[in-house]
Amino acid sequence: MGSNQAALKIGILGFLTCLFILPGYGFSQSPFYQDKTITVIQGVGPGGTGDMRRKALFPFLQKYIPGNPTIVSNYMPGGGDRKAANYTYRARPDGLTIGGLSSSMVINAILGASGVQYDIDKWIYLGSPISFFHYVFLTRKEAGLNSLEKLRSVPSVRIGGQEVGHDSYVVARLFAYAIGMKETKWVTGYGGPEMDVALMRGEVDARATPPESVIQRNPDWLEKGLMDFHAIIEIPKGKKLARFARLPEIEDFVGSEKDRKLLAMYRAFRLVGTPYILPPGTSTAQIQILREAFRKAFNDPGFQNEFKRLAGFDASPLMPEAMERVIKEIPREAEIVDLFKKLSGPEPLPPH
């Protein structure tokens, strides 16, 4: 009996050891993200449209990440997302730093822009809340540029942008190139809302902006006729907006195969939306947790309603795997890349 009792005691001791030491037995481990903070590195400043879109997502990410971590923003505008992207690429790959960027991050890499210190083929992609885009090209009414003919004939129109390489700058340059404007002047250094103010003050004459931002931030531009609207770009092509359906699409202004490929490259760039990314080397476990949380958040009706309330338009999510495919399939033809470089840089526009 003594030996049986000793064996029983040893067995009980071993079982209790499993309860307290080995994972998956007895007491469950706390989720990795419990009591932790995730920092989203944003390539924009606070208060603009991009910031509002991200804030619409954060509560739902928190809801679907096991452990419900705190989610905060660290704003790093500058260099057309290069500052924020470089920082995120070098960040500790512990699943606690997420890049919340724009497609400028992809554009700068493919075009070989100076200062790019990351490889877009090594990022871990988490998806985007939007993959449908529109931009309109507009001028302030007081500038008197109320027709395409005047846009083409009046030299030195001042066009506002954020930084050289930022998407608001690039798409404005695409409009000016396609329309055939002359000797344009580029005024940069504004945030999105600041550029609206500059336009109203007469510091700039024109800008490109999402029409949804006009509806959300400046409805009086439409209601009071304070701006002249000249053209639109649809991404994907054919995705119309009822309120702006009368505007010519940017492709109506181009005729050459080279220019059509240029626009096709731009549309491909924009389809990546406003990507969320993780640094290379992030563990598979954290990638799986975050990708699943992003999928659930994007599909949550509550998020879609909140996104529309804050952004002024419907979400059009691009899921993580689809984003990876878009990145791989972006055209990289040397001739088109070279033309896009000229459009994205600080030099005068190339002849059209």
Protein backbone atom coordinates (compact mmCIF):
# COMPACT_ATOMS: atom_id res chain seq x y z
CA MET A 1 0.00 0.00 0.00
CA GLY A 2 2.82 2.37 0.86
CA SER A 3 4.23 2.25 -2.66
CA ASN A 4 0.76 2.79 -4.18
CA GLN A 5 0.18 5.83 -1.98
CA ALA A 6 3.57 7.24 -2.96
CA ALA A 7 2.80 6.73 -6.63
CA LEU A 8 -0.58 8.44 -6.18
CA LYS A 9 1.07 11.45 -4.49
CA ILE A 10 3.61 11.72 -7.30
CA GLY A 11 0.82 11.58 -9.89
CA ILE A 12 -1.18 14.31 -8.12
CA LEU A 13 1.93 16.48 -7.83
CA GLY A 14 2.64 16.05 -11.54
CA PHE A 15 -0.96 16.97 -12.43
CA LEU A 16 -0.83 20.12 -10.29
CA THR A 17 2.47 21.06 -11.93
CA CYS A 18 0.78 20.88 -15.34
CA LEU A 19 -2.04 23.09 -14.08
CA PHE A 20 0.26 25.86 -12.96
CA ILE A 21 3.18 25.62 -15.40
CA LEU A 22 2.22 24.18 -18.74
CA PRO A 23 0.21 26.32 -21.19
CA GLY A 24 -3.25 25.14 -22.07
CA TYR A 25 -3.90 23.41 -18.75
CA GLY A 26 -5.99 24.69 -15.89
CA PHE A 27 -5.64 28.45 -15.86
CA SER A 28 -5.65 29.95 -19.39
CA GLN A 29 -2.97 32.41 -20.34
CA SER A 30 -3.89 36.07 -20.67
CA PRO A 31 -4.20 37.24 -24.30
CA PHE A 32 -0.99 38.74 -25.65
CA TYR A 33 -2.62 42.15 -26.18
CA GLN A 34 -4.23 42.43 -22.76
CA ASP A 35 -3.09 45.61 -20.95
CA LYS A 36 -0.95 46.61 -23.93
CA THR A 37 -0.99 49.66 -26.21
CA ILE A 38 -0.85 49.52 -30.00
CA THR A 39 0.55 52.64 -31.65
CA VAL A 40 -0.60 53.48 -35.18
CA ILE A 41 2.00 55.59 -36.99
CA GLN A 42 0.08 58.00 -39.20
CA GLY A 43 1.63 59.76 -42.17
CA VAL A 44 -0.75 62.72 -41.75
CA GLY A 45 -1.37 65.34 -39.10
CA PRO A 46 -4.30 65.29 -36.68
CA GLY A 47 -7.77 66.49 -37.60
CA GLY A 48 -7.86 65.84 -41.33
CA THR A 49 -9.98 63.42 -43.31
CA GLY A 50 -7.40 60.64 -43.11
CA ASP A 51 -7.18 60.95 -39.34
CA MET A 52 -10.97 60.76 -38.98
CA ARG A 53 -11.13 57.63 -41.14
CA ARG A 54 -8.61 55.87 -38.92
CA LYS A 55 -10.36 56.92 -35.73
CA ALA A 56 -13.54 55.36 -37.09
CA LEU A 57 -11.73 52.00 -37.18
CA PHE A 58 -9.89 52.01 -33.86
CA PRO A 59 -12.81 51.08 -31.55
CA PHE A 60 -13.67 48.10 -33.73
CA LEU A 61 -10.09 46.90 -33.90
CA GLN A 62 -9.97 47.11 -30.13
CA LYS A 63 -13.19 45.07 -30.00
CA TYR A 64 -11.83 42.24 -32.15
CA ILE A 65 -8.25 41.98 -30.88
CA PRO A 66 -8.24 39.50 -27.99
CA GLY A 67 -7.28 41.40 -24.86
CA ASN A 68 -8.80 44.68 -26.12
CA PRO A 69 -5.59 46.77 -26.19
CA THR A 70 -5.53 50.55 -26.12
CA ILE A 71 -4.96 52.01 -29.61
CA VAL A 72 -3.34 55.43 -30.04
CA SER A 73 -1.96 57.50 -32.91
CA ASN A 74 1.53 58.87 -33.40
CA TYR A 75 1.42 61.53 -36.13
CA MET A 76 4.44 61.72 -38.45
CA PRO A 77 3.56 63.82 -41.50
CA GLY A 78 6.36 64.57 -43.93
CA GLY A 79 8.02 63.37 -47.08
CA GLY A 80 4.90 61.93 -48.67
CA ASP A 81 4.66 59.20 -46.00
CA ARG A 82 8.38 58.45 -46.12
CA LYS A 83 8.98 59.61 -42.56
CA ALA A 84 6.20 57.44 -41.13
CA ALA A 85 7.00 54.47 -43.38
CA ASN A 86 10.73 54.50 -42.57
CA TYR A 87 9.95 54.67 -38.86
CA THR A 88 7.48 51.79 -39.05
CA TYR A 89 9.86 49.65 -41.12
CA ARG A 90 12.53 49.96 -38.43
CA ALA A 91 10.12 49.56 -35.52
CA ARG A 92 10.38 46.62 -33.18
CA PRO A 93 8.40 43.79 -34.83
CA ASP A 94 6.43 42.95 -31.71
CA GLY A 95 2.94 43.53 -33.08
CA LEU A 96 2.55 46.77 -31.13
CA THR A 97 3.47 49.21 -33.92
CA ILE A 98 1.24 49.46 -36.99
CA GLY A 99 1.75 51.81 -39.91
CA GLY A 100 -1.36 53.67 -41.02
CA LEU A 101 -0.27 55.20 -44.30
CA SER A 102 -1.45 56.29 -47.72
CA SER A 103 -0.65 54.90 -51.16
CA SER A 104 2.21 57.43 -51.33
CA MET A 105 4.21 54.85 -49.41
CA VAL A 106 3.87 52.44 -52.36
CA ILE A 107 4.32 55.09 -55.04
CA ASN A 108 7.56 56.41 -53.53
CA ALA A 109 9.05 52.92 -53.36
CA ILE A 110 8.23 51.91 -56.93
CA LEU A 111 9.43 55.22 -58.29
CA GLY A 112 12.67 54.95 -56.33
CA ALA A 113 12.14 58.23 -54.49
CA SER A 114 15.03 59.50 -52.41
CA GLY A 115 14.80 58.82 -48.71
CA VAL A 116 12.88 55.53 -49.05
CA GLN A 117 14.39 53.13 -46.54
CA TYR A 118 11.89 50.27 -46.83
CA ASP A 119 10.96 47.46 -49.21
CA ILE A 120 7.25 47.25 -50.09
CA ASP A 121 7.61 43.55 -50.90
CA LYS A 122 8.68 42.85 -47.30
CA TRP A 123 5.88 44.65 -45.46
CA ILE A 124 3.18 42.59 -43.80
CA TYR A 125 -0.14 43.93 -45.08
CA LEU A 126 -3.25 44.15 -42.93
CA GLY A 127 -5.64 45.64 -45.48
CA SER A 128 -7.33 48.96 -46.10
CA PRO A 129 -10.81 50.29 -45.28
CA ILE A 130 -11.08 51.82 -48.75
CA SER A 131 -10.12 50.77 -52.25
CA PHE A 132 -12.54 52.96 -54.25
CA PHE A 133 -11.37 56.54 -54.73
CA HIS A 134 -12.37 59.73 -56.47
CA TYR A 135 -10.57 63.04 -56.85
CA VAL A 136 -11.91 66.23 -58.35
CA PHE A 137 -9.88 69.12 -59.68
CA LEU A 138 -11.33 72.47 -58.66
CA THR A 139 -10.54 76.19 -58.70
CA ARG A 140 -11.85 78.98 -56.52
CA LYS A 141 -14.62 80.93 -58.21
CA GLU A 142 -12.84 84.28 -57.77
CA ALA A 143 -9.90 83.07 -59.88
CA GLY A 144 -12.17 83.21 -62.93
CA LEU A 145 -10.97 79.86 -64.28
CA ASN A 146 -14.45 78.61 -65.02
CA SER A 147 -13.71 76.53 -68.13
CA LEU A 148 -11.18 74.03 -69.41
CA GLU A 149 -10.17 76.51 -72.10
CA LYS A 150 -9.22 79.09 -69.48
CA LEU A 151 -7.32 76.48 -67.47
CA ARG A 152 -5.29 75.68 -70.59
CA SER A 153 -4.67 79.27 -71.63
CA VAL A 154 -3.98 81.08 -68.33
CA PRO A 155 -0.34 80.62 -67.21
CA SER A 156 1.01 80.37 -63.68
CA VAL A 157 -2.09 79.01 -61.97
CA ARG A 158 -1.14 78.34 -58.33
CA ILE A 159 -2.01 74.78 -57.37
CA GLY A 160 -1.89 73.68 -53.74
CA GLY A 161 -0.54 70.39 -52.45
CA GLN A 162 0.78 68.83 -49.30
CA GLU A 163 4.36 67.59 -49.64
CA VAL A 164 6.06 66.71 -52.91
CA GLY A 165 5.23 63.03 -53.41
CA HIS A 166 2.04 63.11 -51.33
CA ASP A 167 -0.99 61.76 -53.15
CA SER A 168 -2.80 65.12 -53.09
CA TYR A 169 0.21 66.61 -54.90
CA VAL A 170 0.59 63.75 -57.39
CA VAL A 171 -3.05 63.63 -58.44
CA ALA A 172 -3.17 67.42 -58.86
CA ARG A 173 -0.14 67.12 -61.14
CA LEU A 174 -1.88 64.35 -63.09
CA PHE A 175 -4.90 66.59 -63.64
CA ALA A 176 -2.75 69.53 -64.74
CA TYR A 177 -0.75 67.30 -67.10
CA ALA A 178 -3.79 65.61 -68.64
CA ILE A 179 -5.75 68.87 -69.04
CA GLY A 180 -2.72 70.59 -70.59
CA MET A 181 -2.21 73.50 -68.19
CA LYS A 182 0.72 75.88 -68.76
CA GLU A 183 3.55 76.97 -66.46
CA THR A 184 1.76 75.86 -63.32
CA LYS A 185 3.04 77.00 -59.94
CA TRP A 186 3.04 74.53 -57.06
CA VAL A 187 2.48 75.69 -53.50
CA THR A 188 3.16 72.94 -50.96
CA GLY A 189 3.40 72.52 -47.21
CA TYR A 190 -0.29 72.48 -46.34
CA GLY A 191 -2.30 69.88 -44.48
CA GLY A 192 -5.64 68.99 -46.03
CA PRO A 193 -7.83 71.37 -43.97
CA GLU A 194 -5.15 74.09 -44.17
CA MET A 195 -5.24 73.92 -47.96
CA ASP A 196 -8.99 74.53 -47.89
CA VAL A 197 -8.37 77.70 -45.90
CA ALA A 198 -5.57 78.77 -48.25
CA LEU A 199 -7.91 78.31 -51.21
CA MET A 200 -10.58 80.50 -49.64
CA ARG A 201 -7.98 83.17 -48.77
CA GLY A 202 -6.68 83.27 -52.32
CA GLU A 203 -3.23 81.92 -51.42
CA VAL A 204 -3.74 79.19 -54.03
CA ASP A 205 -6.06 79.02 -57.03
CA ALA A 206 -6.64 75.29 -57.39
CA ARG A 207 -6.32 71.92 -55.75
CA ALA A 208 -7.29 68.28 -56.17
CA THR A 209 -9.36 66.77 -53.38
CA PRO A 210 -11.71 63.85 -52.76
CA PRO A 211 -15.26 65.00 -53.55
CA GLU A 212 -16.37 63.25 -50.38
CA SER A 213 -14.16 65.65 -48.42
CA VAL A 214 -15.89 68.59 -50.08
CA ILE A 215 -19.28 67.21 -49.06
CA GLN A 216 -18.07 66.50 -45.53
CA ARG A 217 -15.92 69.55 -44.75
CA ASN A 218 -17.03 72.25 -47.18
CA PRO A 219 -20.63 71.72 -48.30
CA ASP A 220 -20.95 75.47 -48.90
CA TRP A 221 -18.52 75.12 -51.81
CA LEU A 222 -21.32 73.28 -53.58
CA GLU A 223 -24.34 75.00 -52.09
CA LYS A 224 -23.02 78.54 -52.64
CA GLY A 225 -21.05 77.85 -55.82
CA LEU A 226 -17.74 78.96 -54.30
CA MET A 227 -15.69 76.61 -56.48
CA ASP A 228 -15.57 75.59 -60.14
CA PHE A 229 -15.26 71.83 -60.61
CA HIS A 230 -13.47 70.74 -63.79
CA ALA A 231 -12.70 67.01 -63.87
CA ILE A 232 -12.76 63.79 -61.86
CA ILE A 233 -10.69 60.62 -61.63
CA GLU A 234 -12.56 57.40 -60.86
CA ILE A 235 -10.85 54.46 -59.17
CA PRO A 236 -11.78 51.96 -60.42
CA LYS A 237 -12.76 53.59 -63.70
CA GLY A 238 -16.53 53.65 -64.13
CA LYS A 239 -17.25 54.03 -60.41
CA LYS A 240 -19.47 57.11 -60.69
CA LEU A 241 -20.57 59.59 -58.05
CA ALA A 242 -24.06 60.87 -58.74
CA ARG A 243 -23.35 64.41 -57.56
CA PHE A 244 -20.31 64.73 -59.85
CA ALA A 245 -21.43 62.53 -62.73
CA ARG A 246 -21.41 65.50 -65.18
CA LEU A 247 -17.64 66.00 -64.82
CA PRO A 248 -15.34 64.60 -67.52
CA GLU A 249 -13.16 61.70 -66.37
CA ILE A 250 -9.43 62.36 -66.52
CA GLU A 251 -8.91 59.71 -69.20
CA ASP A 252 -11.07 61.78 -71.55
CA PHE A 253 -8.11 64.18 -71.86
CA VAL A 254 -5.47 61.65 -72.97
CA GLY A 255 -4.99 59.95 -76.33
CA SER A 256 -1.65 58.17 -76.35
CA GLU A 257 -1.07 54.63 -75.15
CA LYS A 258 1.71 55.90 -72.90
CA ASP A 259 -0.63 58.29 -71.11
CA ARG A 260 -3.30 55.60 -70.74
CA LYS A 261 -0.71 53.33 -69.12
CA LEU A 262 0.30 56.20 -66.88
CA LEU A 263 -3.27 56.53 -65.65
CA ALA A 264 -3.54 52.75 -65.30
CA MET A 265 -0.46 52.77 -63.06
CA TYR A 266 -1.95 55.52 -60.95
CA ARG A 267 -5.24 53.64 -60.56
CA ALA A 268 -3.29 50.55 -59.49
CA PHE A 269 -1.39 52.60 -56.91
CA ARG A 270 -4.62 53.94 -55.46
CA LEU A 271 -6.32 50.55 -55.26
CA VAL A 272 -4.07 49.74 -52.32
CA GLY A 273 -6.10 52.38 -50.51
CA THR A 274 -4.82 53.58 -47.16
CA PRO A 275 -2.80 50.53 -46.13
CA TYR A 276 -2.21 49.28 -42.63
CA ILE A 277 1.13 47.51 -42.36
CA LEU A 278 3.37 45.68 -39.91
CA PRO A 279 7.18 45.74 -39.85
CA PRO A 280 9.00 42.80 -41.42
CA GLY A 281 9.80 40.09 -38.90
CA THR A 282 6.55 40.34 -36.94
CA SER A 283 5.68 36.91 -35.56
CA THR A 284 3.17 34.69 -37.32
CA ALA A 285 1.01 34.61 -34.20
CA GLN A 286 0.67 38.40 -34.07
CA ILE A 287 0.09 38.61 -37.83
CA GLN A 288 -2.76 36.12 -37.62
CA ILE A 289 -4.37 37.87 -34.65
CA LEU A 290 -4.23 41.29 -36.28
CA ARG A 291 -5.29 40.18 -39.75
CA GLU A 292 -8.33 38.43 -38.32
CA ALA A 293 -9.17 41.50 -36.26
CA PHE A 294 -8.92 43.74 -39.32
CA ARG A 295 -11.16 41.41 -41.34
CA LYS A 296 -13.81 41.40 -38.63
CA ALA A 297 -13.57 45.15 -38.05
CA PHE A 298 -13.90 45.96 -41.76
CA ASN A 299 -16.98 43.74 -42.02
CA ASP A 300 -18.65 45.06 -38.88
CA PRO A 301 -21.80 47.06 -39.78
CA GLY A 302 -21.05 49.36 -36.86
CA PHE A 303 -17.68 50.26 -38.34
CA GLN A 304 -19.18 50.80 -41.79
CA ASN A 305 -21.79 53.16 -40.33
CA GLU A 306 -19.22 55.06 -38.26
CA PHE A 307 -16.82 55.29 -41.19
CA LYS A 308 -19.51 56.80 -43.38
CA ARG A 309 -20.50 59.24 -40.64
CA LEU A 310 -16.94 60.49 -40.18
CA ALA A 311 -15.61 60.17 -43.72
CA GLY A 312 -18.76 61.08 -45.63
CA PHE A 313 -18.70 58.01 -47.93
CA ASP A 314 -18.98 54.23 -47.75
CA ALA A 315 -16.09 52.00 -46.77
CA SER A 316 -14.82 49.70 -49.55
CA PRO A 317 -12.47 47.35 -47.68
CA LEU A 318 -9.50 45.63 -49.25
CA MET A 319 -8.61 42.56 -47.21
CA PRO A 320 -5.01 41.61 -46.32
CA GLU A 321 -4.51 38.90 -48.95
CA ALA A 322 -6.07 41.03 -51.69
CA MET A 323 -3.75 43.89 -50.77
CA GLU A 324 -0.73 41.62 -51.14
CA ARG A 325 -1.90 40.68 -54.64
CA VAL A 326 -2.41 44.32 -55.66
CA ILE A 327 1.13 45.16 -54.54
CA LYS A 328 2.60 42.30 -56.58
CA GLU A 329 0.60 43.21 -59.70
CA ILE A 330 1.34 46.96 -59.85
CA PRO A 331 2.84 47.72 -63.30
CA ARG A 332 6.55 48.55 -63.12
CA GLU A 333 7.42 49.32 -66.76
CA ALA A 334 10.52 51.51 -66.91
CA GLU A 335 9.11 54.07 -69.38
CA ILE A 336 5.94 54.62 -67.34
CA VAL A 337 7.87 54.68 -64.08
CA ASP A 338 10.11 57.38 -65.52
CA LEU A 339 7.12 59.50 -66.59
CA PHE A 340 5.46 59.04 -63.24
CA LYS A 341 8.69 60.11 -61.53
CA LYS A 342 8.59 63.39 -63.41
CA LEU A 343 4.96 63.94 -62.45
CA SER A 344 5.61 63.12 -58.80
CA GLY A 345 8.70 65.29 -58.41
CA PRO A 346 9.32 69.04 -58.01
CA GLU A 347 10.34 69.74 -61.62
CA PRO A 348 8.07 71.46 -64.16
CA LEU A 349 5.44 69.20 -65.70
CA PRO A 350 6.58 67.28 -68.78
CA PRO A 351 4.98 68.34 -72.08
CA HIS A 352 1.71 66.63 -72.91
